[in-house]
N, C-alpha and C. Protein backbone atom coordinates (compact mmCIF):
# COMPACT_ATOMS: atom_id res chain seq x y z
N MET A 1 0.84 -1.19 0.00
CA MET A 1 0.00 0.00 0.00
C MET A 1 0.88 1.25 0.00
N LYS A 2 0.55 2.17 -0.86
CA LYS A 2 1.29 3.43 -0.94
C LYS A 2 0.90 4.33 0.24
N ALA A 3 1.90 4.90 0.90
CA ALA A 3 1.64 5.83 2.01
C ALA A 3 1.20 7.17 1.44
N LYS A 4 0.28 7.82 2.13
CA LYS A 4 -0.21 9.14 1.69
C LYS A 4 0.82 10.21 2.04
N ASP A 5 1.06 11.10 1.11
CA ASP A 5 1.99 12.20 1.36
C ASP A 5 1.29 13.22 2.26
N PHE A 6 2.06 14.03 2.92
CA PHE A 6 1.53 15.07 3.80
C PHE A 6 2.51 16.23 3.82
N ASN A 7 2.09 17.35 4.35
CA ASN A 7 2.95 18.52 4.51
C ASN A 7 2.53 19.19 5.82
N LEU A 8 3.31 18.94 6.87
CA LEU A 8 2.95 19.39 8.21
C LEU A 8 4.13 20.08 8.90
N PRO A 9 3.83 21.07 9.77
CA PRO A 9 4.91 21.76 10.49
C PRO A 9 5.37 20.97 11.72
N ASP A 10 6.68 21.07 11.99
CA ASP A 10 7.21 20.44 13.19
C ASP A 10 7.21 21.42 14.35
N GLN A 11 7.86 21.04 15.45
CA GLN A 11 7.88 21.85 16.67
C GLN A 11 8.58 23.20 16.48
N ASP A 12 9.34 23.34 15.38
CA ASP A 12 10.01 24.62 15.09
C ASP A 12 9.35 25.37 13.94
N GLY A 13 8.22 24.83 13.46
CA GLY A 13 7.51 25.46 12.35
C GLY A 13 8.06 25.08 10.99
N VAL A 14 9.04 24.16 10.94
CA VAL A 14 9.62 23.70 9.67
C VAL A 14 8.68 22.66 9.06
N MET A 15 8.38 22.82 7.77
CA MET A 15 7.46 21.91 7.10
C MET A 15 8.16 20.60 6.71
N HIS A 16 7.43 19.49 6.87
CA HIS A 16 7.93 18.17 6.50
C HIS A 16 6.87 17.49 5.65
N SER A 17 7.35 16.82 4.59
CA SER A 17 6.45 16.00 3.78
C SER A 17 7.07 14.62 3.67
N LEU A 18 6.24 13.62 3.49
CA LEU A 18 6.75 12.26 3.32
C LEU A 18 7.64 12.19 2.09
N SER A 19 7.25 12.88 1.02
CA SER A 19 8.00 12.81 -0.24
C SER A 19 9.42 13.36 -0.12
N GLN A 20 9.68 14.23 0.84
CA GLN A 20 11.04 14.76 0.99
C GLN A 20 12.01 13.70 1.53
N TYR A 21 11.48 12.59 2.03
CA TYR A 21 12.32 11.53 2.57
C TYR A 21 12.41 10.33 1.62
N LYS A 22 12.10 10.56 0.36
CA LYS A 22 12.18 9.50 -0.65
C LYS A 22 13.59 8.89 -0.60
N GLY A 23 13.63 7.57 -0.64
CA GLY A 23 14.91 6.87 -0.57
C GLY A 23 15.31 6.48 0.84
N LYS A 24 14.57 6.94 1.84
CA LYS A 24 14.85 6.59 3.24
C LYS A 24 13.67 5.84 3.83
N TRP A 25 13.95 5.03 4.81
CA TRP A 25 12.89 4.41 5.60
C TRP A 25 12.35 5.47 6.55
N VAL A 26 11.04 5.51 6.71
CA VAL A 26 10.40 6.49 7.58
C VAL A 26 9.44 5.78 8.54
N VAL A 27 9.57 6.12 9.82
CA VAL A 27 8.60 5.70 10.82
C VAL A 27 7.70 6.90 11.07
N VAL A 28 6.42 6.76 10.76
CA VAL A 28 5.44 7.80 11.07
C VAL A 28 4.59 7.24 12.20
N TYR A 29 4.73 7.86 13.37
CA TYR A 29 3.94 7.36 14.49
C TYR A 29 2.97 8.42 14.97
N PHE A 30 1.74 7.99 15.17
CA PHE A 30 0.66 8.86 15.61
C PHE A 30 0.45 8.63 17.11
N TYR A 31 0.33 9.72 17.85
CA TYR A 31 0.16 9.59 19.30
C TYR A 31 -0.91 10.59 19.76
N PRO A 32 -1.62 10.25 20.85
CA PRO A 32 -2.77 11.07 21.26
C PRO A 32 -2.47 12.48 21.75
N LYS A 33 -1.49 12.67 22.65
CA LYS A 33 -1.36 14.00 23.25
C LYS A 33 0.03 14.22 23.85
N ASP A 34 0.57 15.41 23.61
CA ASP A 34 1.86 15.79 24.19
C ASP A 34 1.82 15.70 25.70
N ASP A 35 2.94 15.27 26.27
CA ASP A 35 3.18 15.34 27.71
C ASP A 35 2.18 14.54 28.55
N THR A 36 1.67 13.45 28.01
CA THR A 36 0.87 12.51 28.78
C THR A 36 1.74 11.27 29.00
N PRO A 37 1.45 10.45 30.00
CA PRO A 37 2.37 9.37 30.36
C PRO A 37 2.79 8.43 29.22
N GLY A 38 1.80 7.85 28.51
CA GLY A 38 2.14 6.92 27.43
C GLY A 38 2.86 7.59 26.28
N CYS A 39 2.42 8.78 25.92
CA CYS A 39 3.02 9.50 24.79
C CYS A 39 4.44 9.95 25.12
N THR A 40 4.66 10.34 26.36
CA THR A 40 6.00 10.73 26.79
C THR A 40 6.92 9.51 26.75
N LYS A 41 6.43 8.39 27.25
CA LYS A 41 7.22 7.15 27.25
C LYS A 41 7.61 6.76 25.83
N GLU A 42 6.64 6.85 24.90
CA GLU A 42 6.90 6.48 23.51
C GLU A 42 7.90 7.43 22.86
N ALA A 43 7.73 8.74 23.06
CA ALA A 43 8.64 9.72 22.47
C ALA A 43 10.06 9.53 23.01
N CYS A 44 10.19 9.30 24.31
CA CYS A 44 11.52 9.11 24.91
C CYS A 44 12.14 7.80 24.45
N ASN A 45 11.32 6.79 24.21
CA ASN A 45 11.79 5.52 23.68
C ASN A 45 12.39 5.72 22.29
N PHE A 46 11.72 6.50 21.43
CA PHE A 46 12.27 6.81 20.11
C PHE A 46 13.52 7.68 20.24
N ARG A 47 13.47 8.67 21.13
CA ARG A 47 14.64 9.54 21.35
C ARG A 47 15.88 8.71 21.69
N ASP A 48 15.71 7.78 22.61
CA ASP A 48 16.85 6.99 23.09
C ASP A 48 17.35 5.99 22.05
N ALA A 49 16.49 5.57 21.13
CA ALA A 49 16.88 4.60 20.10
C ALA A 49 17.25 5.25 18.78
N LEU A 50 17.18 6.57 18.70
CA LEU A 50 17.36 7.25 17.41
C LEU A 50 18.69 6.91 16.75
N GLY A 51 19.77 6.89 17.51
CA GLY A 51 21.08 6.58 16.92
C GLY A 51 21.08 5.23 16.22
N ASP A 52 20.53 4.20 16.87
CA ASP A 52 20.48 2.86 16.28
C ASP A 52 19.58 2.84 15.06
N LEU A 53 18.46 3.55 15.12
CA LEU A 53 17.55 3.62 13.97
C LEU A 53 18.21 4.35 12.80
N GLN A 54 18.91 5.44 13.09
CA GLN A 54 19.58 6.20 12.02
C GLN A 54 20.66 5.37 11.33
N LYS A 55 21.33 4.50 12.07
CA LYS A 55 22.35 3.62 11.47
C LYS A 55 21.72 2.72 10.41
N LEU A 56 20.43 2.45 10.56
CA LEU A 56 19.69 1.64 9.58
C LEU A 56 19.00 2.51 8.53
N GLY A 57 19.26 3.82 8.57
CA GLY A 57 18.70 4.74 7.58
C GLY A 57 17.26 5.14 7.84
N VAL A 58 16.83 5.06 9.11
CA VAL A 58 15.44 5.35 9.45
C VAL A 58 15.27 6.78 9.96
N VAL A 59 14.21 7.44 9.47
CA VAL A 59 13.80 8.76 9.93
C VAL A 59 12.56 8.57 10.80
N ILE A 60 12.50 9.26 11.94
CA ILE A 60 11.34 9.18 12.83
C ILE A 60 10.54 10.48 12.71
N LEU A 61 9.22 10.35 12.54
CA LEU A 61 8.31 11.50 12.53
C LEU A 61 7.13 11.17 13.43
N GLY A 62 6.97 11.94 14.50
CA GLY A 62 5.80 11.80 15.36
C GLY A 62 4.71 12.74 14.88
N VAL A 63 3.45 12.36 15.04
CA VAL A 63 2.33 13.21 14.61
C VAL A 63 1.22 13.17 15.66
N SER A 64 0.74 14.36 16.03
CA SER A 64 -0.48 14.46 16.84
C SER A 64 -1.22 15.73 16.42
N LYS A 65 -2.40 15.93 17.01
CA LYS A 65 -3.19 17.12 16.65
C LYS A 65 -2.82 18.31 17.52
N ASP A 66 -1.85 18.15 18.42
CA ASP A 66 -1.42 19.28 19.25
C ASP A 66 -0.79 20.37 18.39
N SER A 67 -0.78 21.58 18.91
CA SER A 67 -0.25 22.73 18.18
C SER A 67 1.28 22.70 18.11
N VAL A 68 1.82 23.51 17.21
CA VAL A 68 3.28 23.66 17.10
C VAL A 68 3.85 24.13 18.45
N ALA A 69 3.18 25.05 19.11
CA ALA A 69 3.65 25.57 20.40
C ALA A 69 3.67 24.46 21.46
N SER A 70 2.65 23.62 21.48
CA SER A 70 2.62 22.50 22.42
C SER A 70 3.76 21.53 22.13
N HIS A 71 3.96 21.24 20.84
CA HIS A 71 5.06 20.36 20.43
C HIS A 71 6.41 20.93 20.85
N LYS A 72 6.56 22.23 20.72
CA LYS A 72 7.83 22.89 21.08
C LYS A 72 8.13 22.64 22.57
N LYS A 73 7.14 22.88 23.42
CA LYS A 73 7.32 22.68 24.86
C LYS A 73 7.62 21.21 25.17
N PHE A 74 6.88 20.31 24.56
CA PHE A 74 7.06 18.87 24.78
C PHE A 74 8.46 18.44 24.33
N SER A 75 8.85 18.89 23.15
CA SER A 75 10.16 18.54 22.59
C SER A 75 11.30 19.05 23.47
N GLU A 76 11.19 20.29 23.92
CA GLU A 76 12.24 20.87 24.75
C GLU A 76 12.30 20.21 26.13
N LYS A 77 11.14 19.93 26.71
CA LYS A 77 11.08 19.33 28.04
C LYS A 77 11.77 17.97 28.08
N TYR A 78 11.60 17.18 27.01
CA TYR A 78 12.14 15.82 26.97
C TYR A 78 13.33 15.68 26.02
N HIS A 79 13.85 16.79 25.53
CA HIS A 79 15.03 16.79 24.65
C HIS A 79 14.85 15.85 23.46
N LEU A 80 13.71 15.96 22.80
CA LEU A 80 13.44 15.10 21.65
C LEU A 80 14.36 15.50 20.50
N ASN A 81 14.87 14.50 19.81
CA ASN A 81 15.87 14.72 18.77
C ASN A 81 15.36 14.34 17.38
N PHE A 82 14.05 14.45 17.20
CA PHE A 82 13.42 14.17 15.91
C PHE A 82 12.18 15.06 15.79
N PRO A 83 11.68 15.26 14.57
CA PRO A 83 10.52 16.12 14.36
C PRO A 83 9.23 15.50 14.90
N ILE A 84 8.43 16.33 15.58
CA ILE A 84 7.06 15.95 15.91
C ILE A 84 6.16 16.95 15.19
N LEU A 85 5.25 16.41 14.41
CA LEU A 85 4.47 17.21 13.47
C LEU A 85 3.07 17.51 14.01
N SER A 86 2.62 18.72 13.73
CA SER A 86 1.31 19.19 14.17
C SER A 86 0.29 19.04 13.04
N ASP A 87 -0.78 18.30 13.32
CA ASP A 87 -1.87 18.10 12.36
C ASP A 87 -3.18 18.52 13.03
N GLU A 88 -3.31 19.82 13.27
CA GLU A 88 -4.49 20.33 13.97
C GLU A 88 -5.78 20.08 13.19
N SER A 89 -5.70 20.00 11.87
CA SER A 89 -6.89 19.73 11.05
C SER A 89 -7.28 18.25 11.09
N LYS A 90 -6.37 17.40 11.54
CA LYS A 90 -6.54 15.95 11.61
C LYS A 90 -6.63 15.29 10.23
N GLU A 91 -6.32 16.02 9.18
CA GLU A 91 -6.42 15.49 7.82
C GLU A 91 -5.49 14.30 7.61
N THR A 92 -4.23 14.44 8.01
CA THR A 92 -3.26 13.35 7.84
C THR A 92 -3.58 12.21 8.80
N ILE A 93 -3.94 12.56 10.04
CA ILE A 93 -4.29 11.54 11.03
C ILE A 93 -5.42 10.66 10.49
N LYS A 94 -6.44 11.27 9.91
CA LYS A 94 -7.56 10.52 9.36
C LYS A 94 -7.15 9.73 8.11
N ALA A 95 -6.30 10.31 7.27
CA ALA A 95 -5.84 9.63 6.05
C ALA A 95 -5.08 8.35 6.39
N TYR A 96 -4.44 8.32 7.54
CA TYR A 96 -3.68 7.15 7.99
C TYR A 96 -4.51 6.26 8.95
N HIS A 97 -5.80 6.49 9.00
CA HIS A 97 -6.72 5.68 9.81
C HIS A 97 -6.30 5.63 11.28
N ALA A 98 -5.81 6.76 11.78
CA ALA A 98 -5.37 6.85 13.18
C ALA A 98 -6.35 7.67 14.02
N TRP A 99 -7.56 7.88 13.51
CA TRP A 99 -8.57 8.66 14.22
C TRP A 99 -9.86 7.86 14.29
N GLY A 100 -10.52 7.88 15.44
CA GLY A 100 -11.80 7.20 15.52
C GLY A 100 -12.33 7.15 16.93
N GLU A 101 -13.32 6.30 17.11
CA GLU A 101 -14.00 6.19 18.39
C GLU A 101 -13.16 5.38 19.37
N LYS A 102 -13.00 5.96 20.57
CA LYS A 102 -12.25 5.30 21.64
C LYS A 102 -13.12 5.24 22.88
N LYS A 103 -12.79 4.31 23.75
CA LYS A 103 -13.49 4.19 25.03
C LYS A 103 -12.46 4.26 26.14
N PHE A 104 -12.79 5.04 27.18
CA PHE A 104 -11.91 5.14 28.33
C PHE A 104 -12.75 5.41 29.56
N MET A 105 -12.61 4.55 30.56
CA MET A 105 -13.34 4.70 31.83
C MET A 105 -14.85 4.87 31.60
N GLY A 106 -15.39 4.04 30.71
CA GLY A 106 -16.83 4.06 30.47
C GLY A 106 -17.32 5.15 29.54
N LYS A 107 -16.42 6.02 29.08
CA LYS A 107 -16.83 7.09 28.18
C LYS A 107 -16.37 6.78 26.76
N THR A 108 -17.16 7.20 25.80
CA THR A 108 -16.83 7.04 24.39
C THR A 108 -16.55 8.43 23.82
N PHE A 109 -15.46 8.53 23.06
CA PHE A 109 -15.08 9.81 22.48
C PHE A 109 -14.25 9.57 21.22
N GLU A 110 -14.05 10.62 20.45
CA GLU A 110 -13.20 10.55 19.25
C GLU A 110 -11.78 10.92 19.64
N GLY A 111 -10.82 10.21 19.08
CA GLY A 111 -9.44 10.52 19.40
C GLY A 111 -8.46 9.81 18.49
N ILE A 112 -7.18 10.01 18.78
CA ILE A 112 -6.09 9.42 17.99
C ILE A 112 -5.75 8.05 18.54
N PHE A 113 -5.67 7.08 17.63
CA PHE A 113 -5.19 5.75 17.99
C PHE A 113 -3.67 5.77 17.94
N ARG A 114 -3.04 5.16 18.91
CA ARG A 114 -1.58 5.03 18.91
C ARG A 114 -1.22 4.03 17.81
N THR A 115 -0.86 4.56 16.66
CA THR A 115 -0.63 3.77 15.45
C THR A 115 0.68 4.20 14.80
N THR A 116 1.40 3.23 14.24
CA THR A 116 2.68 3.53 13.59
C THR A 116 2.74 2.85 12.23
N TYR A 117 3.39 3.54 11.28
CA TYR A 117 3.62 2.97 9.97
C TYR A 117 5.12 2.98 9.67
N LEU A 118 5.61 1.86 9.18
CA LEU A 118 6.99 1.75 8.72
C LEU A 118 6.93 1.80 7.20
N ILE A 119 7.53 2.84 6.64
CA ILE A 119 7.41 3.14 5.20
C ILE A 119 8.79 3.04 4.56
N ASP A 120 8.88 2.33 3.45
CA ASP A 120 10.19 2.17 2.79
C ASP A 120 10.53 3.37 1.91
N GLY A 121 11.69 3.33 1.31
CA GLY A 121 12.20 4.46 0.53
C GLY A 121 11.42 4.78 -0.73
N GLN A 122 10.53 3.86 -1.14
CA GLN A 122 9.67 4.11 -2.31
C GLN A 122 8.28 4.57 -1.89
N GLY A 123 8.08 4.79 -0.59
CA GLY A 123 6.80 5.28 -0.11
C GLY A 123 5.76 4.20 0.12
N GLU A 124 6.20 2.94 0.16
CA GLU A 124 5.28 1.82 0.42
C GLU A 124 5.23 1.52 1.91
N VAL A 125 4.02 1.33 2.43
CA VAL A 125 3.87 0.91 3.82
C VAL A 125 4.31 -0.55 3.90
N ARG A 126 5.36 -0.80 4.68
CA ARG A 126 5.86 -2.16 4.81
C ARG A 126 5.30 -2.85 6.05
N LYS A 127 4.91 -2.04 7.04
CA LYS A 127 4.31 -2.62 8.24
C LYS A 127 3.48 -1.56 8.94
N ALA A 128 2.32 -1.97 9.45
CA ALA A 128 1.47 -1.09 10.26
C ALA A 128 1.38 -1.70 11.65
N TYR A 129 1.55 -0.86 12.64
CA TYR A 129 1.49 -1.29 14.04
C TYR A 129 0.23 -0.67 14.65
N LYS A 130 -0.74 -1.50 14.98
CA LYS A 130 -2.01 -1.00 15.51
C LYS A 130 -2.04 -1.06 17.04
N LYS A 131 -1.38 -2.02 17.62
CA LYS A 131 -1.30 -2.14 19.08
C LYS A 131 0.16 -1.89 19.46
N VAL A 132 0.40 -0.76 20.10
CA VAL A 132 1.77 -0.33 20.37
C VAL A 132 2.02 -0.28 21.88
N ASP A 133 3.16 -0.84 22.29
CA ASP A 133 3.62 -0.69 23.68
C ASP A 133 4.59 0.48 23.67
N PRO A 134 4.20 1.62 24.26
CA PRO A 134 5.04 2.82 24.19
C PRO A 134 6.46 2.63 24.74
N ALA A 135 6.62 1.73 25.69
CA ALA A 135 7.93 1.55 26.34
C ALA A 135 8.92 0.74 25.51
N SER A 136 8.42 -0.04 24.54
CA SER A 136 9.34 -0.91 23.78
C SER A 136 9.14 -0.82 22.27
N HIS A 137 8.40 0.18 21.82
CA HIS A 137 8.06 0.27 20.39
C HIS A 137 9.29 0.44 19.50
N ALA A 138 10.25 1.26 19.91
CA ALA A 138 11.45 1.47 19.08
C ALA A 138 12.23 0.18 18.92
N THR A 139 12.30 -0.64 19.95
CA THR A 139 12.99 -1.93 19.88
C THR A 139 12.30 -2.84 18.87
N GLU A 140 10.98 -2.83 18.89
CA GLU A 140 10.19 -3.62 17.94
C GLU A 140 10.50 -3.19 16.50
N ILE A 141 10.58 -1.89 16.27
CA ILE A 141 10.89 -1.38 14.93
C ILE A 141 12.31 -1.73 14.53
N LEU A 142 13.26 -1.60 15.45
CA LEU A 142 14.65 -2.00 15.16
C LEU A 142 14.70 -3.46 14.72
N HIS A 143 14.00 -4.32 15.43
CA HIS A 143 13.95 -5.74 15.10
C HIS A 143 13.38 -5.92 13.67
N ASP A 144 12.25 -5.28 13.39
CA ASP A 144 11.62 -5.41 12.08
C ASP A 144 12.49 -4.84 10.96
N MET A 145 13.19 -3.75 11.23
CA MET A 145 14.07 -3.16 10.22
C MET A 145 15.18 -4.13 9.83
N LYS A 146 15.70 -4.86 10.78
CA LYS A 146 16.76 -5.83 10.48
C LYS A 146 16.24 -6.95 9.59
N LEU A 147 14.94 -7.24 9.68
CA LEU A 147 14.33 -8.26 8.83
C LEU A 147 13.96 -7.71 7.46
N LEU A 148 13.55 -6.45 7.39
CA LEU A 148 13.04 -5.87 6.15
C LEU A 148 14.08 -5.17 5.29
N ALA A 149 15.07 -4.56 5.91
CA ALA A 149 16.02 -3.73 5.16
C ALA A 149 17.01 -4.55 4.35
C-alpha cells in the first residue's frame, strides 16, 4: 500500500512532507497527546533509540493534533531529537486511519489511535502497528528493520 503524502509543520515550524524523505525508511507514528504518560514514554523511547535507527537509515516522525507551540514545549522538556508534526486539522491523522471512536473509563469519544507505519524508501507501507507498547516500540521497529532492510 502506498503511504499518503503530507505537509505538516514540526515543533520549530519547519514543514515536512513524506515525499522529501524519498529513498529513506520512515517511521510515522501517531500519538494522542503531548506530555501525557504513554506518549512521553513512547517519544523518549524513540529519542533513546534514534542513533540505532539512524544507522539503519530510518527517519522518525511523530504526529499528533497538538499545536506547534505544544510540540515545542514537549520537545524541549524531553530533549526530543526528531521532528514531531502538528496536524491540527486531523487530515493526515484521518488519512492514515489513526482517528476514531475510543473508550476510556466508560466514556466514548473521538481521538487518535496510537498507530505507527513503517514506510520504505519508495513510499510503500511495509508494516502497520495498531497495538503499540510505548515503552518498547522502538525496539520492535529496530527488530523489524533488520528483517526488512
